[in-house]
Structures are given as C-alpha cells and as structure tokens.
Amino acid sequence: MKVDRYTKFLMTILAFALLLNGLNPWIRPPNAGAMEVAAISEKNTATDCSSARKSSIKILEAVNNLERLLGYIESSVNSIQITVNRIDRGRNKSSSSNLSDRR
C-alpha cells in the first residue's frame, strides 16, 4: 500500500489530536461545580429558592403532624395507665377487704 506524504501528515495530526483529546481529563480537569454555578441565571436561582422553600415547608408540616400524632399517642398511653392504676387499686382494696372479711 502506497501512502503519500500528505496523507501521512494528516494521519499523524489526527492521531496526535486524538491522543491529546484522550489525555484531556488529566491535563486540564473540568470545573464542573464552578461552571454549573456560573451557568445559573437570576431567574433559575429564584425558581430554585422557591422550590427549596416549598419542600422545606412540606417537611416542617410533616414534622408538625408527626409531633401531633406522638402527642396523641402519649396522651392515650397516659390515660390507659391511669385506668390500669385505678383498676389495680380497686382490686387491691377488694382483695384486702375480702381477706379481712374471711378472718
């Protein structure tokens, strides 16, 4: 196969360009974070802030609902404990009166 000088030169340039393209991440790594922040416009910033605010409000509402639920459960448990204590006192009084009646 016969290749002239012009084709060899183009193939060498192409191979060198592909080599440099492959080495690009090591030679000059991309500044992804800086580019992303610079690309955000004022309008997008306002939209992002409002969506973040909406999601934080939803999270706060969920936390408040959970606190209310836990408060309800706590009050229910307290009322059950009070009822159980009353029943125990009633049983103790009746058992002690039964013992004194038997004697």
Protein backbone atom coordinates (compact mmCIF):
# COMPACT_ATOMS: atom_id res chain seq x y z
CA MET A 1 0.00 0.00 0.00
CA LYS A 2 1.42 3.30 -1.05
CA VAL A 3 0.65 6.41 1.11
CA ASP A 4 1.89 9.85 0.09
CA ARG A 5 3.41 12.43 2.43
CA TYR A 6 0.23 14.49 2.68
CA THR A 7 -1.83 11.52 3.95
CA LYS A 8 0.90 10.56 6.45
CA PHE A 9 0.94 14.12 7.75
CA LEU A 10 -2.87 14.21 8.15
CA MET A 11 -2.94 10.80 9.84
CA THR A 12 -0.17 11.89 12.24
CA ILE A 13 -2.02 15.10 13.12
CA LEU A 14 -5.26 13.15 13.60
CA ALA A 15 -3.55 10.57 15.85
CA PHE A 16 -1.89 13.32 17.91
CA ALA A 17 -5.21 15.19 18.26
CA LEU A 18 -6.97 12.02 19.41
CA LEU A 19 -4.17 11.35 21.91
CA LEU A 20 -4.47 14.84 23.38
CA ASN A 21 -8.25 14.53 23.46
CA GLY A 22 -7.92 11.30 25.42
CA LEU A 23 -5.46 12.89 27.86
CA ASN A 24 -7.64 15.98 28.39
CA PRO A 25 -9.09 14.92 31.80
CA TRP A 26 -5.55 14.58 33.20
CA ILE A 27 -4.17 17.68 31.54
CA ARG A 28 -7.00 20.06 32.38
CA PRO A 29 -9.80 18.60 34.53
CA PRO A 30 -13.23 20.20 34.08
CA ASN A 31 -14.53 22.66 36.67
CA ALA A 32 -18.00 21.15 36.78
CA GLY A 33 -19.12 22.83 40.00
CA ALA A 34 -17.87 26.26 39.05
CA MET A 35 -19.36 26.05 35.57
CA GLU A 36 -22.71 24.93 36.93
CA VAL A 37 -22.92 27.78 39.43
CA ALA A 38 -21.90 30.31 36.77
CA ALA A 39 -24.49 28.96 34.34
CA ILE A 40 -27.42 29.56 36.71
CA SER A 41 -29.24 32.76 35.91
CA GLU A 42 -31.15 35.00 38.31
CA LYS A 43 -34.46 33.53 37.18
CA ASN A 44 -33.31 29.96 37.84
CA THR A 45 -31.98 30.98 41.24
CA ALA A 46 -35.34 32.39 42.23
CA THR A 47 -37.09 29.26 40.99
CA ASP A 48 -34.66 27.02 42.84
CA CYS A 49 -35.08 29.02 46.04
CA SER A 50 -38.85 28.86 45.86
CA SER A 51 -38.84 25.11 45.21
CA ALA A 52 -36.42 24.59 48.11
CA ARG A 53 -38.67 26.72 50.30
CA LYS A 54 -41.73 24.71 49.29
CA SER A 55 -40.01 21.44 50.07
CA SER A 56 -38.79 22.73 53.44
CA ILE A 57 -42.34 23.86 54.27
CA LYS A 58 -43.65 20.39 53.40
CA ILE A 59 -41.01 18.81 55.63
CA LEU A 60 -41.92 21.14 58.51
CA GLU A 61 -45.61 20.30 58.09
CA ALA A 62 -44.79 16.60 58.16
CA VAL A 63 -42.74 17.06 61.34
CA ASN A 64 -45.57 19.02 62.97
CA ASN A 65 -48.07 16.30 62.03
CA LEU A 66 -45.75 13.67 63.48
CA GLU A 67 -45.39 15.66 66.71
CA ARG A 68 -49.18 15.92 66.99
CA LEU A 69 -49.55 12.19 66.40
CA LEU A 70 -46.92 11.38 69.03
CA GLY A 71 -48.64 13.73 71.48
CA TYR A 72 -51.95 11.97 70.87
CA ILE A 73 -50.34 8.57 71.39
CA GLU A 74 -48.65 9.78 74.58
CA SER A 75 -51.90 11.12 76.00
CA SER A 76 -53.67 7.88 75.10
CA VAL A 77 -50.97 5.83 76.83
CA ASN A 78 -51.19 8.07 79.92
CA SER A 79 -54.95 7.66 80.11
CA ILE A 80 -54.60 3.88 79.75
CA GLN A 81 -52.00 3.87 82.55
CA ILE A 82 -54.32 5.87 84.80
CA THR A 83 -57.16 3.47 84.09
CA VAL A 84 -54.96 0.44 84.81
CA ASN A 85 -53.78 2.03 88.08
CA ARG A 86 -57.39 2.63 89.14
CA ILE A 87 -58.29 -0.97 88.34
CA ASP A 88 -55.27 -2.21 90.32
CA ARG A 89 -56.22 -0.05 93.31
CA GLY A 90 -59.78 -1.34 93.12
CA ARG A 91 -58.58 -4.93 93.02
CA ASN A 92 -56.20 -4.37 95.92
CA LYS A 93 -58.93 -2.79 98.05
CA SER A 94 -61.38 -5.55 97.26
CA SER A 95 -58.82 -8.30 97.90
CA SER A 96 -57.78 -6.73 101.21
CA SER A 97 -61.42 -6.34 102.28
CA ASN A 98 -62.06 -9.98 101.30
CA LEU A 99 -59.11 -11.09 103.43
CA SER A 100 -60.32 -9.11 106.44
CA ASP A 101 -63.86 -10.49 105.99
CA ARG A 102 -62.55 -14.03 105.94
CA ARG A 103 -60.72 -13.60 109.24
